[in-house]
Structures are given as C-alpha cells and as structure tokens.
Amino acid sequence: MKRVLIFFMSTSICVFFLISCGDDKEQKINELEHQIQIEQQMKEKAQQDAAKAQQDAAKANSNLNSLIGISIAFAIVVLIIGVAMGSRARKDANKQSIMNEGKSDD
C-alpha cells in the first residue's frame, strides 16, 4: 500500500509541476501574439506613411509642372509684347528717317 501511495504522490507532484510549467508557455504565446499585433500595426502605419508621402510627392510634382507651364506662357506673352514694341519702334524710326530725308531735300 505504501508503494501505491508513493506512486500516486509522486505522480501528483509531477503533474503539478507539468501544469505549472505550461502556464509560462501560454504567457509567452500571448506575449508573442501581442508583439505580432504591434508589429503589424507598425507595418500598416509605415505603409500609410509611404502612401501619404507618395501622394505628397505627386502633388508637389503637379505644382511644379503648373508653375513651369505658367512661366512658359508668361515668357511667350512677354516675347510677343517685345516683338510688337520693337516692330512699332522700327516703323516709327523709318517714318522719322523718311521725314528727315524729305526736309533735307528742300
């Protein structure tokens, strides 16, 4: 009877230690799952930040293209105005030289 009692006592002690060791694994699993969730959130945030940066870059590129277009249009308008002013000045100079020649013939 003593042997049976010792066997049951040793078996119960072994089971107690096995059960107590199992809790650490559960806790580690929970910690690792929590860490995985945190890393997934960080990954999602990084992806969102990358998408936002890409949108900002596209917007900046669009603004730059708009400014270049406006600058080119302004340069063309100024060029046309300069050509018109030069043509007008040339016509006036020709009229003045013709009038000066007519006065000098008299």
PDB file of N, CA and C in Angstrom:
ATOM      1  N   MET A   1       0.802  -1.186   0.000  1.00  0.00           N
ATOM      2  CA  MET A   1       0.000   0.000   0.000  1.00  0.00           C
ATOM      3  C   MET A   1       0.851   1.260   0.000  1.00  0.00           C
ATOM      4  N   LYS A   2       1.978   1.162   0.663  1.00  0.00           N
ATOM      5  CA  LYS A   2       2.870   2.310   0.696  1.00  0.00           C
ATOM      6  C   LYS A   2       3.382   2.625  -0.710  1.00  0.00           C
ATOM      7  N   ARG A   3       3.650   1.573  -1.457  1.00  0.00           N
ATOM      8  CA  ARG A   3       4.164   1.788  -2.802  1.00  0.00           C
ATOM      9  C   ARG A   3       3.115   2.487  -3.667  1.00  0.00           C
ATOM     10  N   VAL A   4       1.877   2.124  -3.548  1.00  0.00           N
ATOM     11  CA  VAL A   4       0.814   2.747  -4.312  1.00  0.00           C
ATOM     12  C   VAL A   4       0.663   4.208  -3.894  1.00  0.00           C
ATOM     13  N   LEU A   5       0.707   4.458  -2.586  1.00  0.00           N
ATOM     14  CA  LEU A   5       0.597   5.825  -2.071  1.00  0.00           C
ATOM     15  C   LEU A   5       1.774   6.667  -2.560  1.00  0.00           C
ATOM     16  N   ILE A   6       2.988   6.133  -2.531  1.00  0.00           N
ATOM     17  CA  ILE A   6       4.171   6.863  -3.006  1.00  0.00           C
ATOM     18  C   ILE A   6       4.052   7.109  -4.511  1.00  0.00           C
ATOM     19  N   PHE A   7       3.580   6.124  -5.246  1.00  0.00           N
ATOM     20  CA  PHE A   7       3.395   6.292  -6.688  1.00  0.00           C
ATOM     21  C   PHE A   7       2.398   7.418  -6.991  1.00  0.00           C
ATOM     22  N   PHE A   8       1.261   7.427  -6.304  1.00  0.00           N
ATOM     23  CA  PHE A   8       0.265   8.485  -6.526  1.00  0.00           C
ATOM     24  C   PHE A   8       0.772   9.858  -6.102  1.00  0.00           C
ATOM     25  N   MET A   9       1.523   9.895  -5.011  1.00  0.00           N
ATOM     26  CA  MET A   9       2.075  11.179  -4.548  1.00  0.00           C
ATOM     27  C   MET A   9       3.093  11.711  -5.567  1.00  0.00           C
ATOM     28  N   SER A  10       3.987  10.832  -6.023  1.00  0.00           N
ATOM     29  CA  SER A  10       4.998  11.288  -6.990  1.00  0.00           C
ATOM     30  C   SER A  10       4.340  11.666  -8.321  1.00  0.00           C
ATOM     31  N   THR A  11       3.317  10.916  -8.712  1.00  0.00           N
ATOM     32  CA  THR A  11       2.600  11.245  -9.936  1.00  0.00           C
ATOM     33  C   THR A  11       1.895  12.588  -9.796  1.00  0.00           C
ATOM     34  N   SER A  12       1.273  12.835  -8.684  1.00  0.00           N
ATOM     35  CA  SER A  12       0.579  14.117  -8.469  1.00  0.00           C
ATOM     36  C   SER A  12       1.560  15.277  -8.438  1.00  0.00           C
ATOM     37  N   ILE A  13       2.730  15.086  -7.868  1.00  0.00           N
ATOM     38  CA  ILE A  13       3.751  16.147  -7.835  1.00  0.00           C
ATOM     39  C   ILE A  13       4.243  16.426  -9.265  1.00  0.00           C
ATOM     40  N   CYS A  14       4.478  15.363 -10.039  1.00  0.00           N
ATOM     41  CA  CYS A  14       4.918  15.550 -11.434  1.00  0.00           C
ATOM     42  C   CYS A  14       3.854  16.271 -12.240  1.00  0.00           C
ATOM     43  N   VAL A  15       2.608  15.900 -12.065  1.00  0.00           N
ATOM     44  CA  VAL A  15       1.519  16.563 -12.775  1.00  0.00           C
ATOM     45  C   VAL A  15       1.429  18.021 -12.359  1.00  0.00           C
ATOM     46  N   PHE A  16       1.603  18.318 -11.085  1.00  0.00           N
ATOM     47  CA  PHE A  16       1.567  19.694 -10.588  1.00  0.00           C
ATOM     48  C   PHE A  16       2.652  20.526 -11.261  1.00  0.00           C
ATOM     49  N   PHE A  17       3.877  19.995 -11.343  1.00  0.00           N
ATOM     50  CA  PHE A  17       4.969  20.732 -11.978  1.00  0.00           C
ATOM     51  C   PHE A  17       4.745  20.890 -13.483  1.00  0.00           C
ATOM     52  N   LEU A  18       4.213  19.881 -14.115  1.00  0.00           N
ATOM     53  CA  LEU A  18       3.931  19.986 -15.547  1.00  0.00           C
ATOM     54  C   LEU A  18       2.866  21.033 -15.835  1.00  0.00           C
ATOM     55  N   ILE A  19       1.846  21.081 -14.999  1.00  0.00           N
ATOM     56  CA  ILE A  19       0.795  22.077 -15.169  1.00  0.00           C
ATOM     57  C   ILE A  19       1.343  23.476 -14.924  1.00  0.00           C
ATOM     58  N   SER A  20       2.179  23.634 -13.908  1.00  0.00           N
ATOM     59  CA  SER A  20       2.725  24.964 -13.615  1.00  0.00           C
ATOM     60  C   SER A  20       3.687  25.424 -14.706  1.00  0.00           C
ATOM     61  N   CYS A  21       4.387  24.517 -15.355  1.00  0.00           N
ATOM     62  CA  CYS A  21       5.283  24.885 -16.453  1.00  0.00           C
ATOM     63  C   CYS A  21       4.499  25.281 -17.701  1.00  0.00           C
ATOM     64  N   GLY A  22       3.344  24.734 -17.892  1.00  0.00           N
ATOM     65  CA  GLY A  22       2.530  25.031 -19.067  1.00  0.00           C
ATOM     66  C   GLY A  22       2.053  26.474 -19.090  1.00  0.00           C
ATOM     67  N   ASP A  23       1.882  27.111 -17.958  1.00  0.00           N
ATOM     68  CA  ASP A  23       1.408  28.490 -17.907  1.00  0.00           C
ATOM     69  C   ASP A  23       2.418  29.459 -18.512  1.00  0.00           C
ATOM     70  N   ASP A  24       3.695  29.209 -18.336  1.00  0.00           N
ATOM     71  CA  ASP A  24       4.711  30.083 -18.910  1.00  0.00           C
ATOM     72  C   ASP A  24       4.639  30.064 -20.434  1.00  0.00           C
ATOM     73  N   LYS A  25       4.387  28.888 -20.983  1.00  0.00           N
ATOM     74  CA  LYS A  25       4.279  28.796 -22.431  1.00  0.00           C
ATOM     75  C   LYS A  25       3.073  29.580 -22.921  1.00  0.00           C
ATOM     76  N   GLU A  26       1.977  29.476 -22.218  1.00  0.00           N
ATOM     77  CA  GLU A  26       0.774  30.235 -22.582  1.00  0.00           C
ATOM     78  C   GLU A  26       1.058  31.728 -22.512  1.00  0.00           C
ATOM     79  N   GLN A  27       1.737  32.120 -21.458  1.00  0.00           N
ATOM     80  CA  GLN A  27       2.047  33.535 -21.286  1.00  0.00           C
ATOM     81  C   GLN A  27       2.993  34.005 -22.387  1.00  0.00           C
ATOM     82  N   LYS A  28       3.990  33.195 -22.726  1.00  0.00           N
ATOM     83  CA  LYS A  28       4.913  33.568 -23.801  1.00  0.00           C
ATOM     84  C   LYS A  28       4.179  33.648 -25.133  1.00  0.00           C
ATOM     85  N   ILE A  29       3.272  32.724 -25.361  1.00  0.00           N
ATOM     86  CA  ILE A  29       2.489  32.751 -26.596  1.00  0.00           C
ATOM     87  C   ILE A  29       1.661  34.025 -26.658  1.00  0.00           C
ATOM     88  N   ASN A  30       1.043  34.400 -25.543  1.00  0.00           N
ATOM     89  CA  ASN A  30       0.243  35.631 -25.503  1.00  0.00           C
ATOM     90  C   ASN A  30       1.112  36.857 -25.750  1.00  0.00           C
ATOM     91  N   GLU A  31       2.307  36.867 -25.151  1.00  0.00           N
ATOM     92  CA  GLU A  31       3.218  37.994 -25.349  1.00  0.00           C
ATOM     93  C   GLU A  31       3.656  38.089 -26.811  1.00  0.00           C
ATOM     94  N   LEU A  32       3.970  36.929 -27.399  1.00  0.00           N
ATOM     95  CA  LEU A  32       4.383  36.928 -28.799  1.00  0.00           C
ATOM     96  C   LEU A  32       3.245  37.353 -29.721  1.00  0.00           C
ATOM     97  N   GLU A  33       2.037  36.937 -29.440  1.00  0.00           N
ATOM     98  CA  GLU A  33       0.885  37.363 -30.240  1.00  0.00           C
ATOM     99  C   GLU A  33       0.681  38.868 -30.120  1.00  0.00           C
ATOM    100  N   HIS A  34       0.855  39.385 -28.918  1.00  0.00           N
ATOM    101  CA  HIS A  34       0.729  40.832 -28.707  1.00  0.00           C
ATOM    102  C   HIS A  34       1.819  41.572 -29.482  1.00  0.00           C
ATOM    103  N   GLN A  35       3.043  41.036 -29.454  1.00  0.00           N
ATOM    104  CA  GLN A  35       4.134  41.657 -30.185  1.00  0.00           C
ATOM    105  C   GLN A  35       3.873  41.605 -31.690  1.00  0.00           C
ATOM    106  N   ILE A  36       3.306  40.507 -32.171  1.00  0.00           N
ATOM    107  CA  ILE A  36       2.966  40.391 -33.588  1.00  0.00           C
ATOM    108  C   ILE A  36       1.934  41.448 -33.967  1.00  0.00           C
ATOM    109  N   GLN A  37       0.944  41.655 -33.117  1.00  0.00           N
ATOM    110  CA  GLN A  37      -0.082  42.671 -33.392  1.00  0.00           C
ATOM    111  C   GLN A  37       0.546  44.058 -33.448  1.00  0.00           C
ATOM    112  N   ILE A  38       1.446  44.341 -32.527  1.00  0.00           N
ATOM    113  CA  ILE A  38       2.107  45.655 -32.512  1.00  0.00           C
ATOM    114  C   ILE A  38       2.917  45.848 -33.788  1.00  0.00           C
ATOM    115  N   GLU A  39       3.649  44.807 -34.199  1.00  0.00           N
ATOM    116  CA  GLU A  39       4.453  44.919 -35.412  1.00  0.00           C
ATOM    117  C   GLU A  39       3.580  45.063 -36.653  1.00  0.00           C
ATOM    118  N   GLN A  40       2.426  44.403 -36.674  1.00  0.00           N
ATOM    119  CA  GLN A  40       1.510  44.564 -37.805  1.00  0.00           C
ATOM    120  C   GLN A  40       0.965  45.984 -37.855  1.00  0.00           C
ATOM    121  N   GLN A  41       0.658  46.551 -36.692  1.00  0.00           N
ATOM    122  CA  GLN A  41       0.181  47.934 -36.655  1.00  0.00           C
ATOM    123  C   GLN A  41       1.271  48.885 -37.147  1.00  0.00           C
ATOM    124  N   MET A  42       2.511  48.623 -36.733  1.00  0.00           N
ATOM    125  CA  MET A  42       3.615  49.465 -37.180  1.00  0.00           C
ATOM    126  C   MET A  42       3.805  49.343 -38.688  1.00  0.00           C
ATOM    127  N   LYS A  43       3.649  48.129 -39.210  1.00  0.00           N
ATOM    128  CA  LYS A  43       3.778  47.912 -40.649  1.00  0.00           C
ATOM    129  C   LYS A  43       2.682  48.647 -41.409  1.00  0.00           C
ATOM    130  N   GLU A  44       1.449  48.568 -40.914  1.00  0.00           N
ATOM    131  CA  GLU A  44       0.333  49.273 -41.552  1.00  0.00           C
ATOM    132  C   GLU A  44       0.558  50.780 -41.523  1.00  0.00           C
ATOM    133  N   LYS A  45       1.064  51.279 -40.400  1.00  0.00           N
ATOM    134  CA  LYS A  45       1.319  52.712 -40.290  1.00  0.00           C
ATOM    135  C   LYS A  45       2.419  53.128 -41.259  1.00  0.00           C
ATOM    136  N   ALA A  46       3.452  52.298 -41.379  1.00  0.00           N
ATOM    137  CA  ALA A  46       4.532  52.602 -42.319  1.00  0.00           C
ATOM    138  C   ALA A  46       4.013  52.608 -43.754  1.00  0.00           C
ATOM    139  N   GLN A  47       3.119  51.684 -44.081  1.00  0.00           N
ATOM    140  CA  GLN A  47       2.538  51.656 -45.415  1.00  0.00           C
ATOM    141  C   GLN A  47       1.685  52.896 -45.661  1.00  0.00           C
ATOM    142  N   GLN A  48       0.932  53.309 -44.651  1.00  0.00           N
ATOM    143  CA  GLN A  48       0.109  54.511 -44.790  1.00  0.00           C
ATOM    144  C   GLN A  48       0.995  55.736 -44.963  1.00  0.00           C
ATOM    145  N   ASP A  49       2.091  55.806 -44.185  1.00  0.00           N
ATOM    146  CA  ASP A  49       3.010  56.927 -44.311  1.00  0.00           C
ATOM    147  C   ASP A  49       3.661  56.956 -45.694  1.00  0.00           C
ATOM    148  N   ALA A  50       4.000  55.777 -46.203  1.00  0.00           N
ATOM    149  CA  ALA A  50       4.602  55.709 -47.534  1.00  0.00           C
ATOM    150  C   ALA A  50       3.605  56.162 -48.602  1.00  0.00           C
ATOM    151  N   ALA A  51       2.350  55.749 -48.455  1.00  0.00           N
ATOM    152  CA  ALA A  51       1.324  56.164 -49.411  1.00  0.00           C
ATOM    153  C   ALA A  51       1.112  57.673 -49.353  1.00  0.00           C
ATOM    154  N   LYS A  52       1.101  58.230 -48.147  1.00  0.00           N
ATOM    155  CA  LYS A  52       0.924  59.674 -47.986  1.00  0.00           C
ATOM    156  C   LYS A  52       2.109  60.425 -48.584  1.00  0.00           C
ATOM    157  N   ALA A  53       3.312  59.920 -48.369  1.00  0.00           N
ATOM    158  CA  ALA A  53       4.498  60.559 -48.936  1.00  0.00           C
ATOM    159  C   ALA A  53       4.451  60.511 -50.454  1.00  0.00           C
ATOM    160  N   GLN A  54       3.971  59.405 -51.001  1.00  0.00           N
ATOM    161  CA  GLN A  54       3.864  59.283 -52.446  1.00  0.00           C
ATOM    162  C   GLN A  54       2.831  60.276 -52.989  1.00  0.00           C
ATOM    163  N   GLN A  55       1.720  60.441 -52.282  1.00  0.00           N
ATOM    164  CA  GLN A  55       0.708  61.410 -52.703  1.00  0.00           C
ATOM    165  C   GLN A  55       1.256  62.820 -52.634  1.00  0.00           C
ATOM    166  N   ASP A  56       2.013  63.127 -51.565  1.00  0.00           N
ATOM    167  CA  ASP A  56       2.602  64.454 -51.438  1.00  0.00           C
ATOM    168  C   ASP A  56       3.606  64.721 -52.561  1.00  0.00           C
ATOM    169  N   ALA A  57       4.383  63.702 -52.910  1.00  0.00           N
ATOM    170  CA  ALA A  57       5.356  63.863 -53.990  1.00  0.00           C
ATOM    171  C   ALA A  57       4.641  64.104 -55.314  1.00  0.00           C
ATOM    172  N   ALA A  58       3.551  63.383 -55.555  1.00  0.00           N
ATOM    173  CA  ALA A  58       2.787  63.580 -56.790  1.00  0.00           C
ATOM    174  C   ALA A  58       2.188  64.982 -56.836  1.00  0.00           C
ATOM    175  N   LYS A  59       1.696  65.455 -55.694  1.00  0.00           N
ATOM    176  CA  LYS A  59       1.114  66.801 -55.630  1.00  0.00           C
ATOM    177  C   LYS A  59       2.195  67.856 -55.876  1.00  0.00           C
ATOM    178  N   ALA A  60       3.373  67.677 -55.283  1.00  0.00           N
ATOM    179  CA  ALA A  60       4.464  68.622 -55.482  1.00  0.00           C
ATOM    180  C   ALA A  60       4.904  68.630 -56.947  1.00  0.00           C
ATOM    181  N   ASN A  61       4.949  67.454 -57.547  1.00  0.00           N
ATOM    182  CA  ASN A  61       5.317  67.367 -58.957  1.00  0.00           C
ATOM    183  C   ASN A  61       4.293  68.077 -59.833  1.00  0.00           C
ATOM    184  N   SER A  62       3.014  67.918 -59.497  1.00  0.00           N
ATOM    185  CA  SER A  62       1.950  68.587 -60.244  1.00  0.00           C
ATOM    186  C   SER A  62       2.066  70.104 -60.100  1.00  0.00           C
ATOM    187  N   ASN A  63       2.339  70.572 -58.880  1.00  0.00           N
ATOM    188  CA  ASN A  63       2.503  72.008 -58.662  1.00  0.00           C
ATOM    189  C   ASN A  63       3.699  72.547 -59.450  1.00  0.00           C
ATOM    190  N   LEU A  64       4.789  71.781 -59.482  1.00  0.00           N
ATOM    191  CA  LEU A  64       5.965  72.203 -60.229  1.00  0.00           C
ATOM    192  C   LEU A  64       5.652  72.296 -61.714  1.00  0.00           C
ATOM    193  N   ASN A  65       4.953  71.300 -62.235  1.00  0.00           N
ATOM    194  CA  ASN A  65       4.575  71.330 -63.653  1.00  0.00           C
ATOM    195  C   ASN A  65       3.672  72.517 -63.964  1.00  0.00           C
ATOM    196  N   SER A  66       2.761  72.845 -63.038  1.00  0.00           N
ATOM    197  CA  SER A  66       1.891  74.015 -63.236  1.00  0.00           C
ATOM    198  C   SER A  66       2.699  75.298 -63.277  1.00  0.00           C
ATOM    199  N   LEU A  67       3.655  75.432 -62.359  1.00  0.00           N
ATOM    200  CA  LEU A  67       4.492  76.639 -62.347  1.00  0.00           C
ATOM    201  C   LEU A  67       5.336  76.748 -63.611  1.00  0.00           C
ATOM    202  N   ILE A  68       5.842  75.633 -64.083  1.00  0.00           N
ATOM    203  CA  ILE A  68       6.623  75.660 -65.320  1.00  0.00           C
ATOM    204  C   ILE A  68       5.739  76.087 -66.491  1.00  0.00           C
ATOM    205  N   GLY A  69       4.518  75.569 -66.549  1.00  0.00           N
ATOM    206  CA  GLY A  69       3.587  75.950 -67.614  1.00  0.00           C
ATOM    207  C   GLY A  69       3.259  77.426 -67.571  1.00  0.00           C
ATOM    208  N   ILE A  70       2.998  77.949 -66.377  1.00  0.00           N
ATOM    209  CA  ILE A  70       2.688  79.377 -66.236  1.00  0.00           C
ATOM    210  C   ILE A  70       3.890  80.216 -66.652  1.00  0.00           C
ATOM    211  N   SER A  71       5.096  79.784 -66.264  1.00  0.00           N
ATOM    212  CA  SER A  71       6.306  80.533 -66.625  1.00  0.00           C
ATOM    213  C   SER A  71       6.505  80.560 -68.136  1.00  0.00           C
ATOM    214  N   ILE A  72       6.283  79.436 -68.784  1.00  0.00           N
ATOM    215  CA  ILE A  72       6.434  79.384 -70.241  1.00  0.00           C
ATOM    216  C   ILE A  72       5.410  80.292 -70.918  1.00  0.00           C
ATOM    217  N   ALA A  73       4.160  80.255 -70.435  1.00  0.00           N
ATOM    218  CA  ALA A  73       3.122  81.107 -71.018  1.00  0.00           C
ATOM    219  C   ALA A  73       3.474  82.587 -70.833  1.00  0.00           C
ATOM    220  N   PHE A  74       3.966  82.945 -69.659  1.00  0.00           N
ATOM    221  CA  PHE A  74       4.354  84.321 -69.379  1.00  0.00           C
ATOM    222  C   PHE A  74       5.508  84.745 -70.287  1.00  0.00           C
ATOM    223  N   ALA A  75       6.473  83.852 -70.483  1.00  0.00           N
ATOM    224  CA  ALA A  75       7.619  84.171 -71.346  1.00  0.00           C
ATOM    225  C   ALA A  75       7.170  84.386 -72.786  1.00  0.00           C
ATOM    226  N   ILE A  76       6.230  83.586 -73.256  1.00  0.00           N
ATOM    227  CA  ILE A  76       5.726  83.741 -74.629  1.00  0.00           C
ATOM    228  C   ILE A  76       4.993  85.071 -74.774  1.00  0.00           C
ATOM    229  N   VAL A  77       4.175  85.435 -73.803  1.00  0.00           N
ATOM    230  CA  VAL A  77       3.447  86.711 -73.852  1.00  0.00           C
ATOM    231  C   VAL A  77       4.425  87.874 -73.849  1.00  0.00           C
ATOM    232  N   VAL A  78       5.451  87.810 -72.989  1.00  0.00           N
ATOM    233  CA  VAL A  78       6.445  88.884 -72.932  1.00  0.00           C
ATOM    234  C   VAL A  78       7.212  88.962 -74.250  1.00  0.00           C
ATOM    235  N   LEU A  79       7.516  87.822 -74.848  1.00  0.00           N
ATOM    236  CA  LEU A  79       8.215  87.811 -76.137  1.00  0.00           C
ATOM    237  C   LEU A  79       7.369  88.468 -77.223  1.00  0.00           C
ATOM    238  N   ILE A  80       6.083  88.155 -77.250  1.00  0.00           N
ATOM    239  CA  ILE A  80       5.191  88.753 -78.248  1.00  0.00           C
ATOM    240  C   ILE A  80       5.093  90.264 -78.033  1.00  0.00           C
ATOM    241  N   ILE A  81       4.977  90.678 -76.783  1.00  0.00           N
ATOM    242  CA  ILE A  81       4.915  92.118 -76.489  1.00  0.00           C
ATOM    243  C   ILE A  81       6.215  92.797 -76.909  1.00  0.00           C
ATOM    244  N   GLY A  82       7.362  92.146 -76.642  1.00  0.00           N
ATOM    245  CA  GLY A  82       8.655  92.725 -77.040  1.00  0.00           C
ATOM    246  C   GLY A  82       8.780  92.842 -78.545  1.00  0.00           C
ATOM    247  N   VAL A  83       8.323  91.824 -79.277  1.00  0.00           N
ATOM    248  CA  VAL A  83       8.371  91.883 -80.743  1.00  0.00           C
ATOM    249  C   VAL A  83       7.470  93.005 -81.247  1.00  0.00           C
ATOM    250  N   ALA A  84       6.296  93.149 -80.674  1.00  0.00           N
ATOM    251  CA  ALA A  84       5.378  94.217 -81.088  1.00  0.00           C
ATOM    252  C   ALA A  84       5.981  95.597 -80.816  1.00  0.00           C
ATOM    253  N   MET A  85       6.591  95.751 -79.655  1.00  0.00           N
ATOM    254  CA  MET A  85       7.204  97.046 -79.320  1.00  0.00           C
ATOM    255  C   MET A  85       8.374  97.338 -80.259  1.00  0.00           C
ATOM    256  N   GLY A  86       9.171  96.335 -80.580  1.00  0.00           N
ATOM    257  CA  GLY A  86      10.305  96.535 -81.489  1.00  0.00           C
ATOM    258  C   GLY A  86       9.835  96.872 -82.891  1.00  0.00           C
ATOM    259  N   SER A  87       8.792  96.194 -83.341  1.00  0.00           N
ATOM    260  CA  SER A  87       8.245  96.483 -84.670  1.00  0.00           C
ATOM    261  C   SER A  87       7.700  97.897 -84.719  1.00  0.00           C
ATOM    262  N   ARG A  88       7.018  98.281 -83.691  1.00  0.00           N
ATOM    263  CA  ARG A  88       6.458  99.646 -83.640  1.00  0.00           C
ATOM    264  C   ARG A  88       7.575 100.693 -83.630  1.00  0.00           C
ATOM    265  N   ALA A  89       8.625 100.415 -82.874  1.00  0.00           N
ATOM    266  CA  ALA A  89       9.738 101.371 -82.818  1.00  0.00           C
ATOM    267  C   ALA A  89      10.441 101.449 -84.168  1.00  0.00           C
ATOM    268  N   ARG A  90      10.574 100.322 -84.857  1.00  0.00           N
ATOM    269  CA  ARG A  90      11.196 100.310 -86.173  1.00  0.00           C
ATOM    270  C   ARG A  90      10.362 101.114 -87.169  1.00  0.00           C
ATOM    271  N   LYS A  91       9.038 100.959 -87.136  1.00  0.00           N
ATOM    272  CA  LYS A  91       8.163 101.724 -88.037  1.00  0.00           C
ATOM    273  C   LYS A  91       8.288 103.214 -87.765  1.00  0.00           C
ATOM    274  N   ASP A  92       8.274 103.569 -86.490  1.00  0.00           N
ATOM    275  CA  ASP A  92       8.416 104.991 -86.139  1.00  0.00           C
ATOM    276  C   ASP A  92       9.768 105.535 -86.591  1.00  0.00           C
ATOM    277  N   ALA A  93      10.815 104.727 -86.450  1.00  0.00           N
ATOM    278  CA  ALA A  93      12.155 105.177 -86.869  1.00  0.00           C
ATOM    279  C   ALA A  93      12.197 105.351 -88.383  1.00  0.00           C
ATOM    280  N   ASN A  94      11.557 104.435 -89.127  1.00  0.00           N
ATOM    281  CA  ASN A  94      11.514 104.574 -90.591  1.00  0.00           C
ATOM    282  C   ASN A  94      10.737 105.822 -90.994  1.00  0.00           C
ATOM    283  N   LYS A  95       9.616 106.096 -90.335  1.00  0.00           N
ATOM    284  CA  LYS A  95       8.832 107.304 -90.646  1.00  0.00           C
ATOM    285  C   LYS A  95       9.659 108.547 -90.366  1.00  0.00           C
ATOM    286  N   GLN A  96      10.373 108.515 -89.250  1.00  0.00           N
ATOM    287  CA  GLN A  96      11.170 109.686 -88.876  1.00  0.00           C
ATOM    288  C   GLN A  96      12.303 109.900 -89.869  1.00  0.00           C
ATOM    289  N   SER A  97      12.929 108.834 -90.311  1.00  0.00           N
ATOM    290  CA  SER A  97      14.032 108.987 -91.278  1.00  0.00           C
ATOM    291  C   SER A  97      13.502 109.463 -92.628  1.00  0.00           C
ATOM    292  N   ILE A  98      12.310 108.994 -93.016  1.00  0.00           N
ATOM    293  CA  ILE A  98      11.711 109.457 -94.266  1.00  0.00           C
ATOM    294  C   ILE A  98      11.377 110.943 -94.156  1.00  0.00           C
ATOM    295  N   MET A  99      10.869 111.372 -93.027  1.00  0.00           N
ATOM    296  CA  MET A  99      10.539 112.790 -92.834  1.00  0.00           C
ATOM    297  C   MET A  99      11.807 113.633 -92.812  1.00  0.00           C
ATOM    298  N   ASN A 100      12.871 113.115 -92.221  1.00  0.00           N
ATOM    299  CA  ASN A 100      14.137 113.858 -92.179  1.00  0.00           C
ATOM    300  C   ASN A 100      14.736 113.970 -93.583  1.00  0.00           C
ATOM    301  N   GLU A 101      14.599 112.928 -94.377  1.00  0.00           N
ATOM    302  CA  GLU A 101      15.104 112.970 -95.745  1.00  0.00           C
ATOM    303  C   GLU A 101      14.296 113.989 -96.593  1.00  0.00           C
ATOM    304  N   GLY A 102      12.985 114.027 -96.352  1.00  0.00           N
ATOM    305  CA  GLY A 102      12.144 114.978 -97.078  1.00  0.00           C
ATOM    306  C   GLY A 102      12.483 116.397 -96.706  1.00  0.00           C
ATOM    307  N   LYS A 103      12.818 116.667 -95.491  1.00  0.00           N
ATOM    308  CA  LYS A 103      13.179 118.014 -95.071  1.00  0.00           C
ATOM    309  C   LYS A 103      14.555 118.408 -95.577  1.00  0.00           C
ATOM    310  N   SER A 104      15.440 117.455 -95.660  1.00  0.00           N
ATOM    311  CA  SER A 104      16.789 117.774 -96.129  1.00  0.00           C
ATOM    312  C   SER A 104      16.809 118.005 -97.647  1.00  0.00           C
ATOM    313  N   ASP A 105      15.855 117.471 -98.407  1.00  0.00           N
ATOM    314  CA  ASP A 105      15.784 117.703 -99.850  1.00  0.00           C
ATOM    315  C   ASP A 105      15.316 119.131-100.159  1.00  0.00           C
ATOM    316  N   ASP A 106      14.649 119.739 -99.311  1.00  0.00           N
ATOM    317  CA  ASP A 106      14.121 121.088 -99.571  1.00  0.00           C
ATOM    318  C   ASP A 106      15.161 122.088 -99.646  1.00  0.00           C
TER     319      ASP A 106
END
